[in-house]
Amino acid sequence: MYKDEFNLTSDMILEKNFKIDTRGYRLKEVDQFLDLVIADYEHFYAIIRGLEKEKEDNLEQIINLKQEIRNLKTNVEIVKATPQMPSSGTNLDVLKRLSRLEKVVYGDKELDEE
C-alpha cells in the first residue's frame, strides 16, 4: 500500500556501505543517507498519525451506531409491548362506511314515505 512512497527499505539500510576516507566515513555520504532515513521516518509517523486518527473516528462512529441500535431495539420492544388498537382504517374507509350507513338509513325512510 505505502511501499512505493518510501526512499529506503530495511534491506537497503542493512546493506548500506559507506566509503572510507583517511579520517573515517565520508561525512557528506553519511549525511545524505541519514537525510533519507529521516524523511522516511517522518513519513512513517505521518502515516501512523493519520491511521490513528482514522481509527479514533471509526471507533466513535461504531459507538454512535451501537447506541442507535440499542435505542431502536428499545423502541421496537416498546411498540411490541404496547397493546394495539384495532385498525379503524383510513379516513376514506370511514367516509365510505358512513356513506353506506346514510344510504341504508335515509334510503329506507324514502322508501317508507312513498
N, C-alpha and C. Protein backbone atom coordinates (compact mmCIF):
# COMPACT_ATOMS: atom_id res chain seq x y z
N MET A 1 0.83 -1.19 0.00
CA MET A 1 0.00 0.00 0.00
C MET A 1 0.87 1.26 0.00
N TYR A 2 1.78 1.36 0.94
CA TYR A 2 2.65 2.53 1.04
C TYR A 2 4.06 2.22 0.55
N LYS A 3 4.28 1.05 0.03
CA LYS A 3 5.62 0.56 -0.31
C LYS A 3 6.39 1.51 -1.23
N ASP A 4 5.72 2.08 -2.20
CA ASP A 4 6.40 2.93 -3.19
C ASP A 4 6.62 4.36 -2.70
N GLU A 5 6.14 4.68 -1.53
CA GLU A 5 6.24 6.05 -1.04
C GLU A 5 7.52 6.33 -0.25
N PHE A 6 8.33 5.31 -0.01
CA PHE A 6 9.49 5.49 0.84
C PHE A 6 10.78 5.43 0.03
N ASN A 7 11.81 6.08 0.56
CA ASN A 7 13.11 6.13 -0.10
C ASN A 7 13.90 4.84 0.09
N LEU A 8 13.78 4.25 1.28
CA LEU A 8 14.63 3.12 1.64
C LEU A 8 13.80 1.93 2.10
N THR A 9 14.39 0.76 1.94
CA THR A 9 13.82 -0.46 2.52
C THR A 9 14.73 -0.90 3.64
N SER A 10 14.28 -1.83 4.44
CA SER A 10 15.11 -2.31 5.54
C SER A 10 16.38 -2.98 5.00
N ASP A 11 16.27 -3.67 3.88
CA ASP A 11 17.45 -4.30 3.27
C ASP A 11 18.46 -3.25 2.79
N MET A 12 17.95 -2.16 2.22
CA MET A 12 18.85 -1.10 1.76
C MET A 12 19.62 -0.49 2.92
N ILE A 13 18.95 -0.31 4.05
CA ILE A 13 19.61 0.26 5.22
C ILE A 13 20.65 -0.73 5.76
N LEU A 14 20.25 -1.99 5.83
CA LEU A 14 21.15 -3.01 6.36
C LEU A 14 22.40 -3.19 5.50
N GLU A 15 22.23 -3.13 4.19
CA GLU A 15 23.34 -3.41 3.28
C GLU A 15 24.13 -2.16 2.87
N LYS A 16 23.78 -1.02 3.42
CA LYS A 16 24.47 0.22 3.05
C LYS A 16 25.92 0.19 3.51
N ASN A 17 26.82 0.43 2.61
CA ASN A 17 28.25 0.53 2.91
C ASN A 17 28.73 1.93 2.54
N PHE A 18 29.39 2.57 3.49
CA PHE A 18 29.91 3.91 3.25
C PHE A 18 31.38 3.80 2.85
N LYS A 19 31.79 4.70 1.98
CA LYS A 19 33.20 4.74 1.57
C LYS A 19 34.01 5.38 2.69
N ILE A 20 35.20 4.93 2.83
CA ILE A 20 36.05 5.40 3.92
C ILE A 20 37.14 6.31 3.36
N ASP A 21 37.29 7.45 4.03
CA ASP A 21 38.39 8.38 3.74
C ASP A 21 39.48 8.17 4.79
N THR A 22 40.44 9.05 4.76
CA THR A 22 41.55 8.95 5.71
C THR A 22 41.09 9.16 7.15
N ARG A 23 40.05 9.94 7.35
CA ARG A 23 39.56 10.23 8.70
C ARG A 23 38.37 9.34 9.09
N GLY A 24 37.90 8.52 8.25
CA GLY A 24 36.73 7.68 8.55
C GLY A 24 35.75 7.72 7.39
N TYR A 25 34.48 7.54 7.71
CA TYR A 25 33.45 7.56 6.66
C TYR A 25 33.33 8.95 6.06
N ARG A 26 32.91 9.01 4.82
CA ARG A 26 32.68 10.31 4.16
C ARG A 26 31.44 10.94 4.76
N LEU A 27 31.60 12.07 5.39
CA LEU A 27 30.51 12.72 6.11
C LEU A 27 29.35 13.10 5.19
N LYS A 28 29.66 13.59 4.02
CA LYS A 28 28.61 14.00 3.09
C LYS A 28 27.73 12.80 2.71
N GLU A 29 28.36 11.68 2.46
CA GLU A 29 27.62 10.47 2.08
C GLU A 29 26.74 9.99 3.25
N VAL A 30 27.29 10.03 4.45
CA VAL A 30 26.54 9.61 5.64
C VAL A 30 25.37 10.57 5.88
N ASP A 31 25.62 11.86 5.76
CA ASP A 31 24.56 12.86 5.96
C ASP A 31 23.43 12.68 4.94
N GLN A 32 23.76 12.45 3.70
CA GLN A 32 22.73 12.24 2.67
C GLN A 32 21.89 11.01 2.99
N PHE A 33 22.56 9.95 3.42
CA PHE A 33 21.84 8.73 3.76
C PHE A 33 20.93 8.96 4.97
N LEU A 34 21.46 9.64 5.97
CA LEU A 34 20.64 9.93 7.16
C LEU A 34 19.47 10.85 6.82
N ASP A 35 19.64 11.75 5.88
CA ASP A 35 18.52 12.60 5.44
C ASP A 35 17.41 11.74 4.85
N LEU A 36 17.78 10.72 4.07
CA LEU A 36 16.78 9.80 3.53
C LEU A 36 16.06 9.03 4.64
N VAL A 37 16.84 8.58 5.62
CA VAL A 37 16.26 7.84 6.74
C VAL A 37 15.29 8.74 7.52
N ILE A 38 15.69 9.98 7.77
CA ILE A 38 14.84 10.93 8.49
C ILE A 38 13.55 11.21 7.70
N ALA A 39 13.67 11.40 6.41
CA ALA A 39 12.49 11.66 5.58
C ALA A 39 11.51 10.49 5.66
N ASP A 40 12.06 9.27 5.59
CA ASP A 40 11.19 8.10 5.70
C ASP A 40 10.52 8.01 7.07
N TYR A 41 11.28 8.28 8.12
CA TYR A 41 10.71 8.24 9.47
C TYR A 41 9.59 9.26 9.62
N GLU A 42 9.80 10.47 9.11
CA GLU A 42 8.74 11.48 9.19
C GLU A 42 7.51 11.03 8.44
N HIS A 43 7.72 10.38 7.29
CA HIS A 43 6.59 9.87 6.51
C HIS A 43 5.87 8.75 7.27
N PHE A 44 6.65 7.86 7.90
CA PHE A 44 6.05 6.79 8.72
C PHE A 44 5.18 7.38 9.82
N TYR A 45 5.71 8.37 10.53
CA TYR A 45 4.96 8.97 11.62
C TYR A 45 3.70 9.68 11.12
N ALA A 46 3.78 10.31 9.97
CA ALA A 46 2.59 10.96 9.41
C ALA A 46 1.53 9.91 9.08
N ILE A 47 1.95 8.79 8.51
CA ILE A 47 1.01 7.72 8.20
C ILE A 47 0.40 7.16 9.49
N ILE A 48 1.23 6.95 10.50
CA ILE A 48 0.74 6.42 11.78
C ILE A 48 -0.26 7.36 12.40
N ARG A 49 0.04 8.66 12.42
CA ARG A 49 -0.90 9.65 12.98
C ARG A 49 -2.21 9.65 12.21
N GLY A 50 -2.14 9.57 10.89
CA GLY A 50 -3.35 9.54 10.08
C GLY A 50 -4.19 8.30 10.35
N LEU A 51 -3.54 7.16 10.46
CA LEU A 51 -4.26 5.91 10.74
C LEU A 51 -4.85 5.90 12.15
N GLU A 52 -4.13 6.48 13.11
CA GLU A 52 -4.68 6.57 14.46
C GLU A 52 -5.90 7.48 14.50
N LYS A 53 -5.85 8.59 13.77
CA LYS A 53 -7.00 9.49 13.70
C LYS A 53 -8.18 8.78 13.05
N GLU A 54 -7.91 8.06 11.96
CA GLU A 54 -8.97 7.31 11.28
C GLU A 54 -9.56 6.26 12.21
N LYS A 55 -8.71 5.61 12.98
CA LYS A 55 -9.17 4.59 13.94
C LYS A 55 -10.06 5.22 15.00
N GLU A 56 -9.65 6.36 15.53
CA GLU A 56 -10.47 7.06 16.54
C GLU A 56 -11.83 7.45 15.96
N ASP A 57 -11.82 7.97 14.73
CA ASP A 57 -13.08 8.34 14.08
C ASP A 57 -13.98 7.13 13.90
N ASN A 58 -13.38 6.01 13.47
CA ASN A 58 -14.16 4.79 13.27
C ASN A 58 -14.72 4.26 14.58
N LEU A 59 -13.91 4.32 15.65
CA LEU A 59 -14.40 3.87 16.96
C LEU A 59 -15.55 4.74 17.44
N GLU A 60 -15.43 6.04 17.23
CA GLU A 60 -16.51 6.95 17.63
C GLU A 60 -17.78 6.65 16.84
N GLN A 61 -17.63 6.39 15.55
CA GLN A 61 -18.77 6.06 14.72
C GLN A 61 -19.39 4.73 15.15
N ILE A 62 -18.56 3.76 15.51
CA ILE A 62 -19.06 2.47 15.99
C ILE A 62 -19.86 2.65 17.27
N ILE A 63 -19.34 3.46 18.19
CA ILE A 63 -20.05 3.71 19.44
C ILE A 63 -21.40 4.36 19.17
N ASN A 64 -21.43 5.35 18.27
CA ASN A 64 -22.68 6.02 17.94
C ASN A 64 -23.68 5.06 17.30
N LEU A 65 -23.19 4.21 16.40
CA LEU A 65 -24.08 3.27 15.73
C LEU A 65 -24.61 2.22 16.71
N LYS A 66 -23.77 1.76 17.63
CA LYS A 66 -24.23 0.80 18.64
C LYS A 66 -25.30 1.42 19.53
N GLN A 67 -25.11 2.69 19.89
CA GLN A 67 -26.11 3.39 20.71
C GLN A 67 -27.42 3.52 19.94
N GLU A 68 -27.32 3.83 18.66
CA GLU A 68 -28.52 3.95 17.83
C GLU A 68 -29.23 2.61 17.72
N ILE A 69 -28.47 1.52 17.59
CA ILE A 69 -29.08 0.19 17.53
C ILE A 69 -29.79 -0.12 18.84
N ARG A 70 -29.15 0.19 19.98
CA ARG A 70 -29.80 -0.04 21.28
C ARG A 70 -31.09 0.75 21.38
N ASN A 71 -31.07 2.01 20.96
CA ASN A 71 -32.28 2.84 21.01
C ASN A 71 -33.38 2.26 20.13
N LEU A 72 -33.02 1.82 18.93
CA LEU A 72 -34.02 1.26 18.02
C LEU A 72 -34.59 -0.05 18.57
N LYS A 73 -33.74 -0.89 19.17
CA LYS A 73 -34.25 -2.13 19.77
C LYS A 73 -35.21 -1.82 20.91
N THR A 74 -34.88 -0.81 21.70
CA THR A 74 -35.76 -0.41 22.79
C THR A 74 -37.10 0.07 22.24
N ASN A 75 -37.05 0.87 21.18
CA ASN A 75 -38.29 1.35 20.57
C ASN A 75 -39.13 0.22 20.02
N VAL A 76 -38.48 -0.77 19.40
CA VAL A 76 -39.20 -1.92 18.87
C VAL A 76 -39.85 -2.70 20.00
N GLU A 77 -39.15 -2.89 21.10
CA GLU A 77 -39.72 -3.59 22.25
C GLU A 77 -40.90 -2.84 22.83
N ILE A 78 -40.80 -1.52 22.88
CA ILE A 78 -41.91 -0.72 23.39
C ILE A 78 -43.13 -0.86 22.49
N VAL A 79 -42.91 -0.81 21.19
CA VAL A 79 -44.03 -0.93 20.24
C VAL A 79 -44.66 -2.31 20.34
N LYS A 80 -43.83 -3.35 20.48
CA LYS A 80 -44.37 -4.71 20.61
C LYS A 80 -45.16 -4.87 21.89
N ALA A 81 -44.72 -4.23 22.97
CA ALA A 81 -45.39 -4.35 24.26
C ALA A 81 -46.65 -3.50 24.36
N THR A 82 -46.78 -2.50 23.53
CA THR A 82 -47.95 -1.62 23.57
C THR A 82 -49.14 -2.33 22.95
N PRO A 83 -50.29 -2.36 23.69
CA PRO A 83 -51.47 -3.00 23.09
C PRO A 83 -51.91 -2.23 21.85
N GLN A 84 -52.17 -2.97 20.81
CA GLN A 84 -52.54 -2.36 19.54
C GLN A 84 -54.05 -2.12 19.50
N MET A 85 -54.44 -0.94 19.09
CA MET A 85 -55.85 -0.63 18.91
C MET A 85 -56.30 -1.25 17.59
N PRO A 86 -57.53 -1.68 17.53
CA PRO A 86 -57.98 -2.25 16.27
C PRO A 86 -57.89 -1.21 15.16
N SER A 87 -57.49 -1.65 14.05
CA SER A 87 -57.30 -0.74 12.93
C SER A 87 -58.66 -0.24 12.45
N SER A 88 -58.85 1.07 12.52
CA SER A 88 -60.13 1.63 12.10
C SER A 88 -60.08 2.06 10.65
N GLY A 89 -58.98 1.89 10.02
CA GLY A 89 -58.87 2.26 8.61
C GLY A 89 -58.51 3.71 8.45
N THR A 90 -58.45 4.08 7.22
CA THR A 90 -58.12 5.47 6.91
C THR A 90 -59.39 6.30 6.90
N ASN A 91 -59.23 7.59 6.73
CA ASN A 91 -60.39 8.48 6.65
C ASN A 91 -61.29 8.11 5.49
N LEU A 92 -60.72 7.67 4.40
CA LEU A 92 -61.51 7.28 3.25
C LEU A 92 -62.41 6.09 3.58
N ASP A 93 -61.85 5.13 4.32
CA ASP A 93 -62.66 3.97 4.73
C ASP A 93 -63.81 4.40 5.62
N VAL A 94 -63.55 5.31 6.52
CA VAL A 94 -64.59 5.81 7.42
C VAL A 94 -65.68 6.52 6.63
N LEU A 95 -65.27 7.35 5.66
CA LEU A 95 -66.25 8.07 4.85
C LEU A 95 -67.11 7.10 4.03
N LYS A 96 -66.52 6.06 3.51
CA LYS A 96 -67.28 5.07 2.73
C LYS A 96 -68.30 4.35 3.62
N ARG A 97 -67.87 3.99 4.81
CA ARG A 97 -68.80 3.31 5.74
C ARG A 97 -69.93 4.24 6.13
N LEU A 98 -69.62 5.49 6.39
CA LEU A 98 -70.64 6.48 6.75
C LEU A 98 -71.62 6.67 5.60
N SER A 99 -71.10 6.72 4.39
CA SER A 99 -71.96 6.88 3.22
C SER A 99 -72.90 5.70 3.07
N ARG A 100 -72.41 4.50 3.26
CA ARG A 100 -73.26 3.31 3.18
C ARG A 100 -74.33 3.32 4.26
N LEU A 101 -73.95 3.72 5.47
CA LEU A 101 -74.93 3.79 6.55
C LEU A 101 -76.02 4.83 6.26
N GLU A 102 -75.60 5.99 5.72
CA GLU A 102 -76.59 7.02 5.38
C GLU A 102 -77.55 6.50 4.31
N LYS A 103 -77.02 5.78 3.34
CA LYS A 103 -77.90 5.23 2.30
C LYS A 103 -78.90 4.26 2.89
N VAL A 104 -78.40 3.46 3.83
CA VAL A 104 -79.30 2.49 4.46
C VAL A 104 -80.35 3.22 5.29
N VAL A 105 -79.93 4.19 6.11
CA VAL A 105 -80.85 4.89 7.00
C VAL A 105 -81.80 5.77 6.20
N TYR A 106 -81.29 6.63 5.35
CA TYR A 106 -82.14 7.56 4.61
C TYR A 106 -82.85 6.87 3.45
N GLY A 107 -82.21 5.89 2.91
CA GLY A 107 -82.84 5.17 1.81
C GLY A 107 -84.08 4.46 2.26
N ASP A 108 -84.07 3.89 3.46
CA ASP A 108 -85.24 3.19 3.99
C ASP A 108 -86.37 4.17 4.27
N LYS A 109 -86.05 5.38 4.77
CA LYS A 109 -87.07 6.38 5.05
C LYS A 109 -87.73 6.83 3.76
N GLU A 110 -86.95 7.03 2.72
CA GLU A 110 -87.51 7.46 1.45
C GLU A 110 -88.45 6.39 0.89
N LEU A 111 -88.09 5.14 1.08
CA LEU A 111 -88.93 4.05 0.61
C LEU A 111 -90.24 4.00 1.40
N ASP A 112 -90.18 4.28 2.73
CA ASP A 112 -91.37 4.26 3.57
C ASP A 112 -92.31 5.40 3.20
N GLU A 113 -91.81 6.56 2.82
CA GLU A 113 -92.62 7.72 2.51
C GLU A 113 -93.37 7.53 1.20
N GLU A 114 -92.87 6.79 0.30
CA GLU A 114 -93.51 6.58 -0.99
C GLU A 114 -94.64 5.67 -0.80
